[in-house]
Amino acid sequence: MPLPKGPARCHVRPAQPEDAEAIYEAHTAAIRRTLARDYPPEVLAAHAARQSPKKYRARIETGGVLVAVVGGQVVGFAHPLPGKLAALYVHPDFQGRGIGSALLREAERGACAGGGTEVVVNSSLTAVGFYERQGYVREGEGAVELGGVLFRYVAMRKRWPLPA
């Protein structure tokens, strides 16, 4: 999936049911490769095992899931909820190209669409720097159990007004 280096032209749009497999591929690749910098193999395996195209289709049907598309290919996704970002992942081959930032801008709009004044996210340890560069501040740390292992995260918050 690699592209030449430099900014990628991406289009962010609402996800469609037929995007579920590509979302699954991008998400699990990011879990296995990107998060490997900060998490042991058993945590990565437990996190990846919880994902499936069926789960993404169900999320898509409830609405709000966004995808980033480069050259006709889904390379990342975000799942905003009111006041919260439930997930944002970009395939490792496309990271560092502005795709995550483009997804985040649209996800923030979705998270605050009902007049919200902030967006919260439980960031992976790996993504903390990304969110800090986007104006998020650390609020604390936590962990959630995934298949018998703990997945550590950093709770982060960005207050309204969000930049245009």
C-alpha atoms as a PDB file:
ATOM      1  CA  MET A   1       0.000   0.000   0.000  1.00  0.00           C
ATOM      2  CA  PRO A   2       2.898   2.507   0.220  1.00  0.00           C
ATOM      3  CA  LEU A   3       2.811   5.847  -1.575  1.00  0.00           C
ATOM      4  CA  PRO A   4       5.657   8.238  -2.320  1.00  0.00           C
ATOM      5  CA  LYS A   5       6.695  10.412   0.638  1.00  0.00           C
ATOM      6  CA  GLY A   6       5.114  13.824   1.184  1.00  0.00           C
ATOM      7  CA  PRO A   7       1.586  15.029   1.902  1.00  0.00           C
ATOM      8  CA  ALA A   8      -1.136  12.740   0.649  1.00  0.00           C
ATOM      9  CA  ARG A   9      -4.258  14.006  -1.037  1.00  0.00           C
ATOM     10  CA  CYS A  10      -7.029  12.398   0.882  1.00  0.00           C
ATOM     11  CA  HIS A  11     -10.754  12.702   0.882  1.00  0.00           C
ATOM     12  CA  VAL A  12     -12.674  12.219   4.125  1.00  0.00           C
ATOM     13  CA  ARG A  13     -16.215  10.936   3.726  1.00  0.00           C
ATOM     14  CA  PRO A  14     -18.871   9.001   5.647  1.00  0.00           C
ATOM     15  CA  ALA A  15     -18.129   5.282   5.703  1.00  0.00           C
ATOM     16  CA  GLN A  16     -20.261   2.886   3.682  1.00  0.00           C
ATOM     17  CA  PRO A  17     -20.933  -0.780   4.561  1.00  0.00           C
ATOM     18  CA  GLU A  18     -18.606  -1.889   1.748  1.00  0.00           C
ATOM     19  CA  ASP A  19     -15.732  -0.054   3.525  1.00  0.00           C
ATOM     20  CA  ALA A  20     -15.816  -2.431   6.507  1.00  0.00           C
ATOM     21  CA  GLU A  21     -13.105  -4.795   5.242  1.00  0.00           C
ATOM     22  CA  ALA A  22     -10.725  -1.934   4.363  1.00  0.00           C
ATOM     23  CA  ILE A  23     -11.329  -0.312   7.770  1.00  0.00           C
ATOM     24  CA  TYR A  24     -10.531  -3.650   9.401  1.00  0.00           C
ATOM     25  CA  GLU A  25      -7.288  -3.946   7.400  1.00  0.00           C
ATOM     26  CA  ALA A  26      -6.156  -0.399   8.246  1.00  0.00           C
ATOM     27  CA  HIS A  27      -7.059  -0.741  11.913  1.00  0.00           C
ATOM     28  CA  THR A  28      -5.430  -4.112  12.530  1.00  0.00           C
ATOM     29  CA  ALA A  29      -2.288  -3.088  10.603  1.00  0.00           C
ATOM     30  CA  ALA A  30      -2.022   0.018  12.792  1.00  0.00           C
ATOM     31  CA  ILE A  31      -2.511  -2.053  15.931  1.00  0.00           C
ATOM     32  CA  ARG A  32       0.091  -4.644  14.971  1.00  0.00           C
ATOM     33  CA  ARG A  33       2.711  -2.336  13.491  1.00  0.00           C
ATOM     34  CA  THR A  34       2.310   1.166  14.893  1.00  0.00           C
ATOM     35  CA  LEU A  35       1.302   0.321  18.464  1.00  0.00           C
ATOM     36  CA  ALA A  36       4.152  -2.209  18.663  1.00  0.00           C
ATOM     37  CA  ARG A  37       6.380   0.734  19.671  1.00  0.00           C
ATOM     38  CA  ASP A  38       4.620   0.987  23.036  1.00  0.00           C
ATOM     39  CA  TYR A  39       2.779  -2.269  23.752  1.00  0.00           C
ATOM     40  CA  PRO A  40       3.879  -5.887  24.234  1.00  0.00           C
ATOM     41  CA  PRO A  41       2.814  -8.576  21.722  1.00  0.00           C
ATOM     42  CA  GLU A  42       0.106 -10.041  23.989  1.00  0.00           C
ATOM     43  CA  VAL A  43      -1.641  -6.650  24.236  1.00  0.00           C
ATOM     44  CA  LEU A  44      -1.449  -6.139  20.462  1.00  0.00           C
ATOM     45  CA  ALA A  45      -2.857  -9.622  19.824  1.00  0.00           C
ATOM     46  CA  ALA A  46      -5.742  -9.083  22.259  1.00  0.00           C
ATOM     47  CA  HIS A  47      -6.551  -5.675  20.759  1.00  0.00           C
ATOM     48  CA  ALA A  48      -6.453  -6.952  17.170  1.00  0.00           C
ATOM     49  CA  ALA A  49      -8.547 -10.010  18.055  1.00  0.00           C
ATOM     50  CA  ARG A  50     -11.422  -7.748  19.125  1.00  0.00           C
ATOM     51  CA  GLN A  51     -11.749  -6.267  15.628  1.00  0.00           C
ATOM     52  CA  SER A  52     -13.816  -7.624  12.744  1.00  0.00           C
ATOM     53  CA  PRO A  53     -15.433  -6.338   9.545  1.00  0.00           C
ATOM     54  CA  LYS A  54     -18.806  -7.293  11.062  1.00  0.00           C
ATOM     55  CA  LYS A  55     -18.218  -4.882  13.973  1.00  0.00           C
ATOM     56  CA  TYR A  56     -17.299  -2.078  11.590  1.00  0.00           C
ATOM     57  CA  ARG A  57     -20.420  -2.690   9.502  1.00  0.00           C
ATOM     58  CA  ALA A  58     -22.528  -2.410  12.669  1.00  0.00           C
ATOM     59  CA  ARG A  59     -20.819   0.880  13.599  1.00  0.00           C
ATOM     60  CA  ILE A  60     -21.273   2.193  10.064  1.00  0.00           C
ATOM     61  CA  GLU A  61     -24.986   1.384  10.141  1.00  0.00           C
ATOM     62  CA  THR A  62     -25.436   3.524  13.267  1.00  0.00           C
ATOM     63  CA  GLY A  63     -23.776   6.416  11.421  1.00  0.00           C
ATOM     64  CA  GLY A  64     -20.954   8.793  12.118  1.00  0.00           C
ATOM     65  CA  VAL A  65     -17.997   6.637  11.034  1.00  0.00           C
ATOM     66  CA  LEU A  66     -15.642   8.479   8.694  1.00  0.00           C
ATOM     67  CA  VAL A  67     -13.046   7.107   6.297  1.00  0.00           C
ATOM     68  CA  ALA A  68      -9.994   8.661   4.677  1.00  0.00           C
ATOM     69  CA  VAL A  69      -9.586   7.709   1.036  1.00  0.00           C
ATOM     70  CA  VAL A  70      -6.370   8.073  -0.972  1.00  0.00           C
ATOM     71  CA  GLY A  71      -6.359   7.079  -4.626  1.00  0.00           C
ATOM     72  CA  GLY A  72      -9.714   5.330  -4.230  1.00  0.00           C
ATOM     73  CA  GLN A  73      -8.443   3.236  -1.309  1.00  0.00           C
ATOM     74  CA  VAL A  74      -9.658   3.477   2.312  1.00  0.00           C
ATOM     75  CA  VAL A  75      -6.519   4.064   4.398  1.00  0.00           C
ATOM     76  CA  GLY A  76      -7.944   5.163   7.747  1.00  0.00           C
ATOM     77  CA  PHE A  77     -11.059   5.750   9.773  1.00  0.00           C
ATOM     78  CA  ALA A  78     -12.445   7.745  12.682  1.00  0.00           C
ATOM     79  CA  HIS A  79     -15.470   7.134  14.859  1.00  0.00           C
ATOM     80  CA  PRO A  80     -16.721  10.315  16.523  1.00  0.00           C
ATOM     81  CA  LEU A  81     -19.493  10.202  19.111  1.00  0.00           C
ATOM     82  CA  PRO A  82     -21.090  13.197  20.849  1.00  0.00           C
ATOM     83  CA  GLY A  83     -18.247  14.880  22.718  1.00  0.00           C
ATOM     84  CA  LYS A  84     -15.895  11.952  22.187  1.00  0.00           C
ATOM     85  CA  LEU A  85     -13.596  10.360  19.672  1.00  0.00           C
ATOM     86  CA  ALA A  86     -14.073   6.597  20.005  1.00  0.00           C
ATOM     87  CA  ALA A  87     -11.361   5.680  17.484  1.00  0.00           C
ATOM     88  CA  LEU A  88      -8.986   7.099  14.883  1.00  0.00           C
ATOM     89  CA  TYR A  89      -6.490   4.919  13.062  1.00  0.00           C
ATOM     90  CA  VAL A  90      -4.498   5.287   9.833  1.00  0.00           C
ATOM     91  CA  HIS A  91      -2.806   2.393   8.053  1.00  0.00           C
ATOM     92  CA  PRO A  92       0.936   2.501   8.904  1.00  0.00           C
ATOM     93  CA  ASP A  93       1.915   2.865   5.237  1.00  0.00           C
ATOM     94  CA  PHE A  94       0.025   6.181   5.142  1.00  0.00           C
ATOM     95  CA  GLN A  95       0.948   7.702   8.505  1.00  0.00           C
ATOM     96  CA  GLY A  96       2.806  10.992   8.702  1.00  0.00           C
ATOM     97  CA  ARG A  97       1.145  12.308   5.546  1.00  0.00           C
ATOM     98  CA  GLY A  98      -1.606  14.529   7.051  1.00  0.00           C
ATOM     99  CA  ILE A  99      -4.313  11.878   6.790  1.00  0.00           C
ATOM    100  CA  GLY A 100      -4.789  11.522  10.549  1.00  0.00           C
ATOM    101  CA  SER A 101      -5.048  15.303  10.908  1.00  0.00           C
ATOM    102  CA  ALA A 102      -7.664  15.505   8.147  1.00  0.00           C
ATOM    103  CA  LEU A 103      -9.676  12.694   9.759  1.00  0.00           C
ATOM    104  CA  LEU A 104      -9.400  14.326  13.169  1.00  0.00           C
ATOM    105  CA  ARG A 105     -10.686  17.710  11.928  1.00  0.00           C
ATOM    106  CA  GLU A 106     -13.809  16.072  10.494  1.00  0.00           C
ATOM    107  CA  ALA A 107     -14.249  13.831  13.541  1.00  0.00           C
ATOM    108  CA  GLU A 108     -14.068  16.858  15.852  1.00  0.00           C
ATOM    109  CA  ARG A 109     -16.798  18.554  13.840  1.00  0.00           C
ATOM    110  CA  GLY A 110     -18.920  15.425  14.199  1.00  0.00           C
ATOM    111  CA  ALA A 111     -18.219  15.098  17.918  1.00  0.00           C
ATOM    112  CA  CYS A 112     -19.267  18.726  18.524  1.00  0.00           C
ATOM    113  CA  ALA A 113     -22.101  18.873  15.978  1.00  0.00           C
ATOM    114  CA  GLY A 114     -24.777  19.057  18.675  1.00  0.00           C
ATOM    115  CA  GLY A 115     -23.229  22.140  20.253  1.00  0.00           C
ATOM    116  CA  GLY A 116     -20.599  20.355  22.328  1.00  0.00           C
ATOM    117  CA  THR A 117     -17.809  22.349  23.905  1.00  0.00           C
ATOM    118  CA  GLU A 118     -15.060  19.727  24.008  1.00  0.00           C
ATOM    119  CA  VAL A 119     -13.799  16.456  22.596  1.00  0.00           C
ATOM    120  CA  VAL A 120     -12.283  13.724  24.745  1.00  0.00           C
ATOM    121  CA  VAL A 121     -10.254  10.750  23.582  1.00  0.00           C
ATOM    122  CA  ASN A 122      -8.575   7.833  25.276  1.00  0.00           C
ATOM    123  CA  SER A 123      -5.356   7.870  23.279  1.00  0.00           C
ATOM    124  CA  SER A 124      -3.047   4.933  22.834  1.00  0.00           C
ATOM    125  CA  LEU A 125       0.380   5.598  24.305  1.00  0.00           C
ATOM    126  CA  THR A 126       1.670   5.758  20.734  1.00  0.00           C
ATOM    127  CA  ALA A 127      -0.706   8.541  19.606  1.00  0.00           C
ATOM    128  CA  VAL A 128      -0.280  10.951  22.533  1.00  0.00           C
ATOM    129  CA  GLY A 129       2.169  13.159  20.618  1.00  0.00           C
ATOM    130  CA  PHE A 130      -0.187  13.316  17.631  1.00  0.00           C
ATOM    131  CA  TYR A 131      -3.074  14.514  19.797  1.00  0.00           C
ATOM    132  CA  GLU A 132      -0.872  17.004  21.659  1.00  0.00           C
ATOM    133  CA  ARG A 133       0.178  18.533  18.324  1.00  0.00           C
ATOM    134  CA  GLN A 134      -3.542  18.887  17.532  1.00  0.00           C
ATOM    135  CA  GLY A 135      -4.215  20.866  20.732  1.00  0.00           C
ATOM    136  CA  TYR A 136      -5.270  18.087  23.113  1.00  0.00           C
ATOM    137  CA  VAL A 137      -4.078  18.099  26.713  1.00  0.00           C
ATOM    138  CA  ARG A 138      -3.468  15.139  28.984  1.00  0.00           C
ATOM    139  CA  GLU A 139      -6.044  14.574  31.691  1.00  0.00           C
ATOM    140  CA  GLY A 140      -4.762  11.343  33.203  1.00  0.00           C
ATOM    141  CA  GLU A 141      -3.990   7.716  32.482  1.00  0.00           C
ATOM    142  CA  GLY A 142      -6.038   4.559  32.602  1.00  0.00           C
ATOM    143  CA  ALA A 143      -6.307   1.019  31.353  1.00  0.00           C
ATOM    144  CA  VAL A 144      -8.988  -1.247  29.965  1.00  0.00           C
ATOM    145  CA  GLU A 145      -8.961  -5.028  29.949  1.00  0.00           C
ATOM    146  CA  LEU A 146      -8.754  -6.599  26.494  1.00  0.00           C
ATOM    147  CA  GLY A 147      -8.892 -10.372  26.465  1.00  0.00           C
ATOM    148  CA  GLY A 148      -7.247 -10.746  29.839  1.00  0.00           C
ATOM    149  CA  VAL A 149      -4.510  -8.137  29.330  1.00  0.00           C
ATOM    150  CA  LEU A 150      -4.475  -4.439  30.145  1.00  0.00           C
ATOM    151  CA  PHE A 151      -4.387  -1.843  27.384  1.00  0.00           C
ATOM    152  CA  ARG A 152      -3.000   1.374  28.834  1.00  0.00           C
ATOM    153  CA  TYR A 153      -4.212   4.722  27.504  1.00  0.00           C
ATOM    154  CA  VAL A 154      -3.937   8.455  28.162  1.00  0.00           C
ATOM    155  CA  ALA A 155      -7.164  10.404  28.637  1.00  0.00           C
ATOM    156  CA  MET A 156      -6.984  13.640  26.641  1.00  0.00           C
ATOM    157  CA  ARG A 157      -9.261  16.621  26.078  1.00  0.00           C
ATOM    158  CA  LYS A 158      -9.597  19.504  23.634  1.00  0.00           C
ATOM    159  CA  ARG A 159     -11.896  22.369  24.505  1.00  0.00           C
ATOM    160  CA  TRP A 160     -14.128  24.351  22.152  1.00  0.00           C
ATOM    161  CA  PRO A 161     -13.841  26.390  20.037  1.00  0.00           C
ATOM    162  CA  LEU A 162     -12.060  23.991  17.765  1.00  0.00           C
ATOM    163  CA  PRO A 163      -9.865  25.541  15.062  1.00  0.00           C
ATOM    164  CA  ALA A 164     -11.409  25.899  11.629  1.00  0.00           C
END
